[in-house]
Amino acid sequence: MIRYAKPTNVEAALALLAEGPWRILAGGTDFYPALGNRPLSENVLDINGLAELRGISETATHIVIGARTTWTDVIRHDLPAAFDGLKLAAREVGSIQIQNMASVAGNLCNASPAADGVPPLLTLDAEVEIRSAGATRFMPLGCFILGNRRTALLPSELMTALHIPKASAAGSSSFCKLGARRYLVISIAMAAARIVVTNRSVEHATVAVGSCSAVARRLAGIEAALRGVPVTELAEAVAGAPIDELAPIDDVRASADYRREAAREIVTRAVLAAADPTANVPVAA
């Protein structure tokens, strides 16, 4: 018999996960489409009753995004300019109706190479909080997503939050997405950049690209090439930097060669926009 449970606190949810395998239901925006015409064949753990997992808060050292926080919540919350790229990405997660329901954790745990939220979160050095009935562990987001539809989450575990160091909330950021049309599209390539500028030169840079590898990647070569560069020479720095981390694929949306060239172009656009905080100020929905 298939079981359905909707606990009202995290401890009860973790106790159920300790009993055996469950399929997690959060916003449902990936859950139901993945079923297609097939009936449910797994136990369903509905976490929509876990109010404590929704919202954005702060500790002395981190900004914490609860696992059930929606993309609309992210868009509307007052966050530093370093989160502008994340807010821009949030507006690309499907329609407004999807943004109202889809959770941040769902976007990550679904582990699609084209997940819009991953590149900007990588530029923020986000860490994933994972809990089980007996323990809590943390890992960098870059280690959490292992491949297409694969994460480091064990069957007895629940992703409960993202922790972003306040030290990574410095500077400003942007996000750029390329698709076959403007709205409601799976990306061909996407890029996020966070730039800290001091005395008109780049003091620190983090850059990530999605949809051009099995998982989104930070681009260490471009990050290194940008450090110390005057803001007037950013495009040239990106053009000459290596992007060895990318391994684009050929599929129905684009060829690998096209993706490789497109990635460099959208990285350039994201970097230039991040260096100019007035270029993409998010407006609350």
Protein backbone atom coordinates (compact mmCIF):
# COMPACT_ATOMS: atom_id res chain seq x y z
CA MET A 1 0.00 0.00 0.00
CA ILE A 2 1.25 3.47 -0.89
CA ARG A 3 1.51 5.82 2.08
CA TYR A 4 0.91 9.56 2.16
CA ALA A 5 2.07 11.70 5.08
CA LYS A 6 2.01 15.43 5.75
CA PRO A 7 3.90 16.10 8.99
CA THR A 8 3.72 19.48 10.70
CA ASN A 9 7.26 19.58 12.12
CA VAL A 10 10.69 18.65 10.82
CA GLU A 11 11.35 16.05 13.53
CA ALA A 12 8.27 14.08 12.49
CA ALA A 13 9.30 14.27 8.84
CA LEU A 14 12.79 13.00 9.65
CA ALA A 15 11.36 10.16 11.73
CA LEU A 16 9.31 9.03 8.74
CA LEU A 17 12.34 9.22 6.44
CA ALA A 18 14.24 7.00 8.87
CA GLU A 19 11.59 4.28 8.44
CA GLY A 20 12.17 3.77 4.71
CA PRO A 21 12.08 5.43 1.27
CA TRP A 22 9.71 8.31 0.57
CA ARG A 23 9.29 10.62 -2.37
CA ILE A 24 9.37 14.25 -1.24
CA LEU A 25 6.55 16.56 -2.36
CA ALA A 26 7.28 20.27 -1.96
CA GLY A 27 5.98 22.82 -4.50
CA GLY A 28 4.96 20.01 -6.85
CA THR A 29 6.06 21.86 -10.00
CA ASP A 30 8.52 19.08 -10.88
CA PHE A 31 6.83 16.27 -8.94
CA TYR A 32 3.60 16.06 -10.93
CA PRO A 33 4.99 16.62 -14.45
CA ALA A 34 7.54 13.86 -13.83
CA LEU A 35 4.71 11.39 -13.22
CA GLY A 36 3.20 11.92 -16.65
CA ASN A 37 0.35 9.46 -17.02
CA ARG A 38 1.82 6.99 -14.55
CA PRO A 39 0.12 6.36 -11.19
CA LEU A 40 2.04 6.94 -7.98
CA SER A 41 4.16 3.94 -7.02
CA GLU A 42 6.11 5.40 -4.05
CA ASN A 43 5.29 6.63 -0.59
CA VAL A 44 4.76 10.41 -0.63
CA LEU A 45 6.08 12.69 2.09
CA ASP A 46 4.38 16.08 1.70
CA ILE A 47 6.55 18.72 3.40
CA ASN A 48 4.17 21.63 2.74
CA GLY A 49 3.11 21.51 6.38
CA LEU A 50 6.64 22.36 7.56
CA ALA A 51 6.21 26.10 8.09
CA GLU A 52 9.62 26.35 9.77
CA LEU A 53 11.33 25.57 6.45
CA ARG A 54 9.92 28.60 4.65
CA GLY A 55 11.45 32.05 4.83
CA ILE A 56 14.73 33.97 4.77
CA SER A 57 16.54 34.83 7.98
CA GLU A 58 19.96 35.87 9.26
CA THR A 59 22.43 34.60 11.81
CA ALA A 60 25.57 36.40 12.92
CA THR A 61 27.49 34.89 10.01
CA HIS A 62 25.02 33.69 7.37
CA ILE A 63 21.89 34.47 5.40
CA VAL A 64 19.65 31.41 5.62
CA ILE A 65 17.09 30.46 2.97
CA GLY A 66 14.65 27.79 4.13
CA ALA A 67 14.13 24.82 1.85
CA ARG A 68 10.44 25.60 1.26
CA THR A 69 11.08 29.25 0.42
CA THR A 70 9.52 30.00 -2.97
CA TRP A 71 11.10 31.97 -5.78
CA THR A 72 8.50 34.68 -5.24
CA ASP A 73 9.67 34.90 -1.62
CA VAL A 74 13.23 35.42 -2.88
CA ILE A 75 12.15 38.12 -5.34
CA ARG A 76 10.22 40.05 -2.69
CA HIS A 77 12.72 39.81 0.16
CA ASP A 78 15.04 42.72 0.94
CA LEU A 79 18.50 41.31 0.17
CA PRO A 80 21.93 42.83 -0.58
CA ALA A 81 22.92 43.67 -4.16
CA ALA A 82 24.98 40.46 -4.25
CA PHE A 83 21.63 38.64 -4.50
CA ASP A 84 20.43 40.61 -7.54
CA GLY A 85 21.55 37.78 -9.82
CA LEU A 86 19.57 35.26 -7.77
CA LYS A 87 16.48 37.48 -8.01
CA LEU A 88 16.89 37.75 -11.78
CA ALA A 89 17.19 33.95 -11.98
CA ALA A 90 14.09 33.58 -9.78
CA ARG A 91 12.09 35.48 -12.41
CA GLU A 92 13.16 32.88 -15.00
CA VAL A 93 11.79 29.88 -13.08
CA GLY A 94 8.74 29.26 -15.23
CA SER A 95 5.69 31.52 -15.01
CA ILE A 96 4.67 33.68 -12.07
CA GLN A 97 2.34 30.90 -10.98
CA ILE A 98 5.29 28.48 -10.89
CA GLN A 99 7.43 30.99 -8.99
CA ASN A 100 4.65 31.25 -6.39
CA MET A 101 4.78 27.49 -5.75
CA ALA A 102 8.24 26.20 -6.69
CA SER A 103 10.68 25.92 -3.80
CA VAL A 104 14.37 26.75 -3.78
CA ALA A 105 15.19 23.26 -2.49
CA GLY A 106 13.09 21.63 -5.19
CA ASN A 107 15.05 23.45 -7.88
CA LEU A 108 18.29 22.10 -6.42
CA CYS A 109 17.16 18.58 -5.49
CA ASN A 110 15.67 18.05 -8.94
CA ALA A 111 19.27 18.45 -10.12
CA SER A 112 18.57 19.51 -13.67
CA PRO A 113 21.63 20.87 -15.51
CA ALA A 114 19.33 23.75 -16.54
CA ALA A 115 18.16 24.66 -13.01
CA ASP A 116 18.08 28.47 -13.04
CA GLY A 117 18.84 28.90 -9.35
CA VAL A 118 22.12 27.02 -9.26
CA PRO A 119 24.60 29.38 -11.01
CA PRO A 120 23.75 32.46 -8.89
CA LEU A 121 23.80 30.38 -5.71
CA LEU A 122 27.24 29.05 -6.67
CA THR A 123 28.51 32.62 -7.00
CA LEU A 124 27.26 33.22 -3.44
CA ASP A 125 29.23 30.23 -2.06
CA ALA A 126 25.97 28.66 -0.86
CA GLU A 127 26.10 25.67 1.47
CA VAL A 128 23.34 23.07 1.74
CA GLU A 129 21.96 22.12 5.15
CA ILE A 130 20.97 18.44 5.26
CA ARG A 131 19.23 16.79 8.19
CA SER A 132 18.41 13.25 9.15
CA ALA A 133 16.85 11.86 12.33
CA GLY A 134 20.28 11.66 13.95
CA ALA A 135 22.44 14.35 12.44
CA THR A 136 22.82 17.61 10.56
CA ARG A 137 25.50 18.11 7.93
CA PHE A 138 26.55 20.88 5.60
CA MET A 139 28.18 20.77 2.19
CA PRO A 140 28.99 23.26 -0.57
CA LEU A 141 26.30 23.42 -3.24
CA GLY A 142 28.95 22.50 -5.81
CA CYS A 143 29.41 19.15 -4.03
CA PHE A 144 25.71 18.54 -3.41
CA ILE A 145 24.65 18.24 -7.06
CA LEU A 146 26.50 15.23 -8.47
CA GLY A 147 25.11 15.03 -12.00
CA ASN A 148 21.94 15.05 -14.06
CA ARG A 149 19.12 14.27 -11.58
CA ARG A 150 21.65 13.11 -8.93
CA THR A 151 22.46 14.68 -5.58
CA ALA A 152 24.38 13.70 -2.45
CA LEU A 153 21.12 13.44 -0.50
CA LEU A 154 20.63 10.04 1.17
CA PRO A 155 17.17 8.39 1.36
CA SER A 156 16.93 9.16 5.08
CA GLU A 157 17.83 12.84 4.64
CA LEU A 158 15.99 16.06 3.95
CA MET A 159 17.46 19.26 2.58
CA THR A 160 16.33 21.87 5.09
CA ALA A 161 18.07 25.14 4.16
CA LEU A 162 20.73 27.01 2.24
CA HIS A 163 23.36 28.97 4.16
CA ILE A 164 25.11 31.85 2.42
CA PRO A 165 28.10 33.40 4.22
CA LYS A 166 27.64 37.10 4.82
CA ALA A 167 31.18 37.53 3.53
CA SER A 168 29.82 36.35 0.16
CA ALA A 169 27.07 38.97 0.22
CA ALA A 170 29.58 41.62 -0.87
CA GLY A 171 29.52 43.36 -4.23
CA SER A 172 26.78 43.17 -6.83
CA SER A 173 25.65 40.46 -9.20
CA SER A 174 23.73 39.62 -12.34
CA PHE A 175 22.30 36.67 -14.27
CA CYS A 176 21.96 36.09 -18.00
CA LYS A 177 20.01 33.30 -19.71
CA LEU A 178 19.94 32.24 -23.34
CA GLY A 179 17.02 30.28 -24.75
CA ALA A 180 15.13 29.71 -27.97
CA ARG A 181 12.56 32.30 -26.88
CA ARG A 182 12.34 35.02 -24.26
CA TYR A 183 10.03 33.46 -21.67
CA LEU A 184 9.12 30.04 -20.26
CA VAL A 185 12.06 28.25 -21.80
CA ILE A 186 14.71 25.72 -20.78
CA SER A 187 18.04 27.46 -21.19
CA ILE A 188 20.65 26.71 -23.82
CA ALA A 189 23.19 28.38 -21.56
CA MET A 190 23.06 30.65 -18.52
CA ALA A 191 25.59 32.57 -16.49
CA ALA A 192 25.78 34.33 -13.14
CA ALA A 193 28.47 36.69 -11.92
CA ARG A 194 29.20 38.46 -8.64
CA ILE A 195 31.73 41.28 -8.72
CA VAL A 196 33.34 43.30 -5.93
CA VAL A 197 34.81 46.53 -7.30
CA THR A 198 37.30 48.70 -5.40
CA ASN A 199 38.81 51.85 -6.89
CA ARG A 200 37.32 50.97 -10.31
CA SER A 201 39.09 47.59 -10.41
CA VAL A 202 37.84 44.08 -9.63
CA GLU A 203 38.81 43.02 -6.12
CA HIS A 204 36.89 39.73 -6.21
CA ALA A 205 34.84 37.83 -8.78
CA THR A 206 32.77 34.66 -8.81
CA VAL A 207 31.34 33.34 -12.08
CA ALA A 208 29.22 30.24 -12.78
CA VAL A 209 27.63 28.75 -15.89
CA GLY A 210 24.71 26.33 -16.18
CA SER A 211 23.28 24.19 -18.99
CA CYS A 212 26.76 23.68 -20.46
CA SER A 213 27.81 20.68 -18.36
CA ALA A 214 26.10 17.88 -16.45
CA VAL A 215 26.14 20.24 -13.46
CA ALA A 216 26.53 24.02 -13.23
CA ARG A 217 30.19 25.02 -12.80
CA ARG A 218 32.19 27.83 -11.29
CA LEU A 219 34.70 29.12 -13.84
CA ALA A 220 37.97 29.47 -11.95
CA GLY A 221 39.92 30.59 -15.02
CA ILE A 222 37.62 33.53 -15.67
CA GLU A 223 37.48 34.41 -11.98
CA ALA A 224 41.28 34.57 -11.82
CA ALA A 225 41.49 36.56 -15.05
CA LEU A 226 39.09 39.20 -13.70
CA ARG A 227 40.89 39.91 -10.43
CA GLY A 228 42.69 43.26 -10.52
CA VAL A 229 41.25 44.20 -13.92
CA PRO A 230 39.88 47.74 -14.41
CA VAL A 231 36.12 47.75 -14.95
CA THR A 232 36.71 49.22 -18.42
CA GLU A 233 38.56 46.06 -19.50
CA LEU A 234 36.25 43.32 -18.25
CA ALA A 235 35.05 42.13 -21.67
CA GLU A 236 38.63 41.69 -22.87
CA ALA A 237 39.54 39.75 -19.72
CA VAL A 238 36.64 37.32 -20.21
CA ALA A 239 37.44 36.90 -23.91
CA GLY A 240 40.99 35.78 -23.16
CA ALA A 241 40.29 33.55 -20.15
CA PRO A 242 40.06 29.73 -20.23
CA ILE A 243 36.72 27.98 -19.69
CA ASP A 244 38.05 24.44 -19.27
CA GLU A 245 35.40 23.56 -16.67
CA LEU A 246 32.66 23.37 -19.32
CA ALA A 247 31.77 20.18 -21.19
CA PRO A 248 28.83 21.20 -23.40
CA ILE A 249 26.61 18.57 -24.98
CA ASP A 250 24.82 18.36 -28.33
CA ASP A 251 21.06 18.14 -27.98
CA VAL A 252 17.85 19.38 -29.62
CA ARG A 253 18.35 22.90 -28.24
CA ALA A 254 21.93 23.57 -29.42
CA SER A 255 25.24 22.04 -30.43
CA ALA A 256 28.20 21.79 -28.06
CA ASP A 257 30.19 24.29 -30.13
CA TYR A 258 27.36 26.81 -30.05
CA ARG A 259 26.97 26.41 -26.31
CA ARG A 260 30.69 26.97 -25.75
CA GLU A 261 30.67 30.22 -27.70
CA ALA A 262 27.35 31.32 -26.20
CA ALA A 263 28.64 30.67 -22.69
CA ARG A 264 31.51 33.09 -23.14
CA GLU A 265 29.18 35.75 -24.53
CA ILE A 266 26.62 35.51 -21.74
CA VAL A 267 29.37 35.40 -19.11
CA THR A 268 30.64 38.67 -20.56
CA ARG A 269 27.16 40.18 -20.34
CA ALA A 270 26.66 38.95 -16.77
CA VAL A 271 30.06 40.27 -15.66
CA LEU A 272 29.46 43.69 -17.22
CA ALA A 273 25.99 43.93 -15.65
CA ALA A 274 27.31 42.81 -12.25
CA ALA A 275 30.00 45.51 -12.38
CA ASP A 276 27.24 48.11 -12.89
CA PRO A 277 24.75 47.68 -10.03
CA THR A 278 22.30 50.11 -11.66
CA ALA A 279 21.91 47.85 -14.71
CA ASN A 280 19.63 45.22 -13.16
CA VAL A 281 18.01 46.38 -9.93
CA PRO A 282 15.24 43.84 -9.16
CA VAL A 283 11.76 45.20 -8.57
CA ALA A 284 9.52 43.44 -6.05
CA ALA A 285 6.59 41.60 -7.64
